[in-house]
Structure formats: structure tokens, C-alpha cells
PDB file of N, CA and C in Angstrom:
ATOM      1  N   MET A   1    -176.798  57.760 129.784  1.00  0.00           N
ATOM      2  CA  MET A   1    -175.643  56.999 129.298  1.00  0.00           C
ATOM      3  C   MET A   1    -175.464  57.180 127.791  1.00  0.00           C
ATOM      4  N   PHE A   2    -176.520  57.477 127.093  1.00  0.00           N
ATOM      5  CA  PHE A   2    -176.440  57.663 125.645  1.00  0.00           C
ATOM      6  C   PHE A   2    -175.511  58.807 125.222  1.00  0.00           C
ATOM      7  N   PRO A   3    -175.614  60.005 125.862  1.00  0.00           N
ATOM      8  CA  PRO A   3    -174.692  61.065 125.454  1.00  0.00           C
ATOM      9  C   PRO A   3    -173.220  60.705 125.647  1.00  0.00           C
ATOM     10  N   PHE A   4    -172.943  59.929 126.696  1.00  0.00           N
ATOM     11  CA  PHE A   4    -171.560  59.514 126.912  1.00  0.00           C
ATOM     12  C   PHE A   4    -171.048  58.648 125.751  1.00  0.00           C
ATOM     13  N   LYS A   5    -171.902  57.733 125.312  1.00  0.00           N
ATOM     14  CA  LYS A   5    -171.522  56.846 124.217  1.00  0.00           C
ATOM     15  C   LYS A   5    -171.318  57.637 122.930  1.00  0.00           C
ATOM     16  N   GLU A   6    -172.160  58.625 122.716  1.00  0.00           N
ATOM     17  CA  GLU A   6    -172.037  59.484 121.520  1.00  0.00           C
ATOM     18  C   GLU A   6    -170.759  60.256 121.575  1.00  0.00           C
ATOM     19  N   THR A   7    -170.432  60.793 122.756  1.00  0.00           N
ATOM     20  CA  THR A   7    -169.171  61.530 122.915  1.00  0.00           C
ATOM     21  C   THR A   7    -167.975  60.651 122.644  1.00  0.00           C
ATOM     22  N   LEU A   8    -168.052  59.422 123.178  1.00  0.00           N
ATOM     23  CA  LEU A   8    -166.985  58.468 122.959  1.00  0.00           C
ATOM     24  C   LEU A   8    -166.777  58.143 121.480  1.00  0.00           C
ATOM     25  N   ASN A   9    -167.901  57.967 120.747  1.00  0.00           N
ATOM     26  CA  ASN A   9    -167.830  57.719 119.315  1.00  0.00           C
ATOM     27  C   ASN A   9    -167.212  58.904 118.575  1.00  0.00           C
ATOM     28  N   LYS A  10    -167.564  60.091 118.981  1.00  0.00           N
ATOM     29  CA  LYS A  10    -166.998  61.297 118.326  1.00  0.00           C
ATOM     30  C   LYS A  10    -165.511  61.367 118.583  1.00  0.00           C
ATOM     31  N   ALA A  11    -165.087  61.030 119.785  1.00  0.00           N
ATOM     32  CA  ALA A  11    -163.686  61.048 120.117  1.00  0.00           C
ATOM     33  C   ALA A  11    -162.935  60.026 119.277  1.00  0.00           C
ATOM     34  N   ARG A  12    -163.513  58.855 119.117  1.00  0.00           N
ATOM     35  CA  ARG A  12    -162.871  57.807 118.299  1.00  0.00           C
ATOM     36  C   ARG A  12    -162.767  58.250 116.842  1.00  0.00           C
ATOM     37  N   LEU A  13    -163.828  58.854 116.335  1.00  0.00           N
ATOM     38  CA  LEU A  13    -163.790  59.372 114.955  1.00  0.00           C
ATOM     39  C   LEU A  13    -162.743  60.454 114.772  1.00  0.00           C
ATOM     40  N   THR A  14    -162.638  61.321 115.751  1.00  0.00           N
ATOM     41  CA  THR A  14    -161.637  62.398 115.695  1.00  0.00           C
ATOM     42  C   THR A  14    -160.238  61.814 115.694  1.00  0.00           C
ATOM     43  N   ALA A  15    -160.003  60.793 116.522  1.00  0.00           N
ATOM     44  CA  ALA A  15    -158.710  60.166 116.582  1.00  0.00           C
ATOM     45  C   ALA A  15    -158.390  59.476 115.249  1.00  0.00           C
ATOM     46  N   LEU A  16    -159.366  58.760 114.713  1.00  0.00           N
ATOM     47  CA  LEU A  16    -159.166  58.069 113.428  1.00  0.00           C
ATOM     48  C   LEU A  16    -158.892  59.073 112.317  1.00  0.00           C
ATOM     49  N   TYR A  17    -159.595  60.212 112.322  1.00  0.00           N
ATOM     50  CA  TYR A  17    -159.369  61.265 111.319  1.00  0.00           C
ATOM     51  C   TYR A  17    -157.936  61.777 111.427  1.00  0.00           C
ATOM     52  N   ALA A  18    -157.466  62.011 112.671  1.00  0.00           N
ATOM     53  CA  ALA A  18    -156.129  62.519 112.863  1.00  0.00           C
ATOM     54  C   ALA A  18    -155.083  61.544 112.351  1.00  0.00           C
ATOM     55  N   ILE A  19    -155.303  60.241 112.560  1.00  0.00           N
ATOM     56  CA  ILE A  19    -154.403  59.206 112.082  1.00  0.00           C
ATOM     57  C   ILE A  19    -154.377  59.204 110.549  1.00  0.00           C
ATOM     58  N   CYS A  20    -155.564  59.289 109.947  1.00  0.00           N
ATOM     59  CA  CYS A  20    -155.643  59.301 108.471  1.00  0.00           C
ATOM     60  C   CYS A  20    -154.933  60.538 107.893  1.00  0.00           C
ATOM     61  N   VAL A  21    -155.062  61.664 108.520  1.00  0.00           N
ATOM     62  CA  VAL A  21    -154.383  62.865 108.050  1.00  0.00           C
ATOM     63  C   VAL A  21    -152.869  62.675 108.115  1.00  0.00           C
ATOM     64  N   GLN A  22    -152.386  62.094 109.214  1.00  0.00           N
ATOM     65  CA  GLN A  22    -150.936  61.854 109.350  1.00  0.00           C
ATOM     66  C   GLN A  22    -150.444  60.878 108.283  1.00  0.00           C
ATOM     67  N   ILE A  23    -151.195  59.864 107.995  1.00  0.00           N
ATOM     68  CA  ILE A  23    -150.818  58.884 106.961  1.00  0.00           C
ATOM     69  C   ILE A  23    -150.758  59.582 105.614  1.00  0.00           C
ATOM     70  N   PHE A  24    -151.802  60.385 105.279  1.00  0.00           N
ATOM     71  CA  PHE A  24    -151.842  61.104 104.005  1.00  0.00           C
ATOM     72  C   PHE A  24    -150.672  62.036 103.881  1.00  0.00           C
ATOM     73  N   ARG A  25    -150.366  62.787 104.949  1.00  0.00           N
ATOM     74  CA  ARG A  25    -149.223  63.723 104.872  1.00  0.00           C
ATOM     75  C   ARG A  25    -147.932  62.957 104.663  1.00  0.00           C
ATOM     76  N   HIS A  26    -147.767  61.847 105.322  1.00  0.00           N
ATOM     77  CA  HIS A  26    -146.561  61.047 105.198  1.00  0.00           C
ATOM     78  C   HIS A  26    -146.382  60.559 103.728  1.00  0.00           C
ATOM     79  N   ILE A  27    -147.464  60.029 103.177  1.00  0.00           N
ATOM     80  CA  ILE A  27    -147.434  59.583 101.791  1.00  0.00           C
ATOM     81  C   ILE A  27    -147.128  60.704 100.799  1.00  0.00           C
ATOM     82  N   ALA A  28    -147.783  61.832 101.020  1.00  0.00           N
ATOM     83  CA  ALA A  28    -147.558  63.024 100.179  1.00  0.00           C
ATOM     84  C   ALA A  28    -146.124  63.463 100.250  1.00  0.00           C
ATOM     85  N   GLN A  29    -145.574  63.508 101.482  1.00  0.00           N
ATOM     86  CA  GLN A  29    -144.200  63.966 101.673  1.00  0.00           C
ATOM     87  C   GLN A  29    -143.222  63.014 100.954  1.00  0.00           C
ATOM     88  N   LYS A  30    -143.435  61.706 101.095  1.00  0.00           N
ATOM     89  CA  LYS A  30    -142.546  60.734 100.397  1.00  0.00           C
ATOM     90  C   LYS A  30    -142.668  60.895  98.873  1.00  0.00           C
ATOM     91  N   SER A  31    -143.874  61.136  98.405  1.00  0.00           N
ATOM     92  CA  SER A  31    -144.098  61.270  96.962  1.00  0.00           C
ATOM     93  C   SER A  31    -143.377  62.494  96.430  1.00  0.00           C
ATOM     94  N   LEU A  32    -143.509  63.615  97.173  1.00  0.00           N
ATOM     95  CA  LEU A  32    -142.851  64.839  96.711  1.00  0.00           C
ATOM     96  C   LEU A  32    -141.323  64.698  96.774  1.00  0.00           C
ATOM     97  N   ALA A  33    -140.821  64.034  97.781  1.00  0.00           N
ATOM     98  CA  ALA A  33    -139.382  63.829  97.882  1.00  0.00           C
ATOM     99  C   ALA A  33    -138.870  62.965  96.713  1.00  0.00           C
ATOM    100  N   ARG A  34    -139.644  61.956  96.345  1.00  0.00           N
ATOM    101  CA  ARG A  34    -139.292  61.083  95.232  1.00  0.00           C
ATOM    102  C   ARG A  34    -139.285  61.869  93.936  1.00  0.00           C
ATOM    103  N   GLN A  35    -140.291  62.741  93.733  1.00  0.00           N
ATOM    104  CA  GLN A  35    -140.350  63.565  92.519  1.00  0.00           C
ATOM    105  C   GLN A  35    -139.163  64.527  92.472  1.00  0.00           C
ATOM    106  N   LEU A  36    -138.816  65.130  93.584  1.00  0.00           N
ATOM    107  CA  LEU A  36    -137.719  66.093  93.613  1.00  0.00           C
ATOM    108  C   LEU A  36    -136.406  65.354  93.298  1.00  0.00           C
ATOM    109  N   ARG A  37    -136.211  64.185  93.885  1.00  0.00           N
ATOM    110  CA  ARG A  37    -135.014  63.410  93.619  1.00  0.00           C
ATOM    111  C   ARG A  37    -134.920  63.051  92.133  1.00  0.00           C
ATOM    112  N   SER A  38    -136.076  62.685  91.568  1.00  0.00           N
ATOM    113  CA  SER A  38    -136.091  62.295  90.151  1.00  0.00           C
ATOM    114  C   SER A  38    -135.720  63.516  89.267  1.00  0.00           C
ATOM    115  N   ARG A  39    -136.241  64.674  89.619  1.00  0.00           N
ATOM    116  CA  ARG A  39    -135.898  65.878  88.845  1.00  0.00           C
ATOM    117  C   ARG A  39    -134.434  66.249  88.984  1.00  0.00           C
ATOM    118  N   GLN A  40    -133.917  66.084  90.175  1.00  0.00           N
ATOM    119  CA  GLN A  40    -132.489  66.383  90.390  1.00  0.00           C
ATOM    120  C   GLN A  40    -131.607  65.459  89.601  1.00  0.00           C
ATOM    121  N   ASP A  41    -131.987  64.143  89.583  1.00  0.00           N
ATOM    122  CA  ASP A  41    -131.243  63.167  88.800  1.00  0.00           C
ATOM    123  C   ASP A  41    -131.304  63.497  87.304  1.00  0.00           C
ATOM    124  N   SER A  42    -132.451  63.909  86.817  1.00  0.00           N
ATOM    125  CA  SER A  42    -132.598  64.306  85.404  1.00  0.00           C
ATOM    126  C   SER A  42    -131.734  65.493  85.063  1.00  0.00           C
ATOM    127  N   ALA A  43    -131.740  66.487  85.933  1.00  0.00           N
ATOM    128  CA  ALA A  43    -130.934  67.699  85.710  1.00  0.00           C
ATOM    129  C   ALA A  43    -129.476  67.333  85.719  1.00  0.00           C
ATOM    130  N   ARG A  44    -129.044  66.467  86.643  1.00  0.00           N
ATOM    131  CA  ARG A  44    -127.647  66.034  86.710  1.00  0.00           C
ATOM    132  C   ARG A  44    -127.245  65.308  85.444  1.00  0.00           C
ATOM    133  N   GLU A  45    -128.141  64.457  84.964  1.00  0.00           N
ATOM    134  CA  GLU A  45    -127.842  63.677  83.754  1.00  0.00           C
ATOM    135  C   GLU A  45    -127.725  64.614  82.547  1.00  0.00           C
ATOM    136  N   GLN A  46    -128.621  65.588  82.461  1.00  0.00           N
ATOM    137  CA  GLN A  46    -128.584  66.551  81.305  1.00  0.00           C
ATOM    138  C   GLN A  46    -127.324  67.367  81.335  1.00  0.00           C
ATOM    139  N   ARG A  47    -126.852  67.755  82.527  1.00  0.00           N
ATOM    140  CA  ARG A  47    -125.581  68.502  82.631  1.00  0.00           C
ATOM    141  C   ARG A  47    -124.410  67.648  82.194  1.00  0.00           C
ATOM    142  N   SER A  48    -124.399  66.385  82.618  1.00  0.00           N
ATOM    143  CA  SER A  48    -123.280  65.543  82.245  1.00  0.00           C
ATOM    144  C   SER A  48    -123.270  65.268  80.757  1.00  0.00           C
ATOM    145  N   VAL A  49    -124.432  65.162  80.123  1.00  0.00           N
ATOM    146  CA  VAL A  49    -124.476  64.953  78.689  1.00  0.00           C
ATOM    147  C   VAL A  49    -124.010  66.246  77.968  1.00  0.00           C
ATOM    148  N   ALA A  50    -124.395  67.365  78.505  1.00  0.00           N
ATOM    149  CA  ALA A  50    -123.987  68.647  77.874  1.00  0.00           C
ATOM    150  C   ALA A  50    -122.489  68.887  77.958  1.00  0.00           C
ATOM    151  N   LEU A  51    -121.872  68.351  79.002  1.00  0.00           N
ATOM    152  CA  LEU A  51    -120.421  68.551  79.159  1.00  0.00           C
ATOM    153  C   LEU A  51    -119.571  67.631  78.320  1.00  0.00           C
ATOM    154  N   ARG A  52    -120.165  66.645  77.703  1.00  0.00           N
ATOM    155  CA  ARG A  52    -119.433  65.659  76.906  1.00  0.00           C
ATOM    156  C   ARG A  52    -118.973  66.232  75.591  1.00  0.00           C
TER     157      ARG A  52
END
């Protein structure tokens, strides 16, 4: 019965790892999108100032 319990624990750890990776990717994607949007806004603002 011990090997079964060890296998179950490994499966749980693997599932937890997969969830953590998904959360990390989601946060990183949101962060990159926010940075890109900020850079686009800055570029847009610089163009509007240059056109004045």
C-alpha cells in the first residue's frame, strides 16, 4: 500500500505544479500586456505633443 500512497502524492504534486505554472503564466501575460499598453500610450502621447 505504501507505493500507491507515494504515487498518489507524486500525482498531487504534479497537479499542484501544473496549477502554479498556469498561474505564473497568467500573471506574466497580464504584466506584459500592461507594459505594452503603457508603452503604446506613451508613444501616442509623444506623437500628439510633437504635432502641436
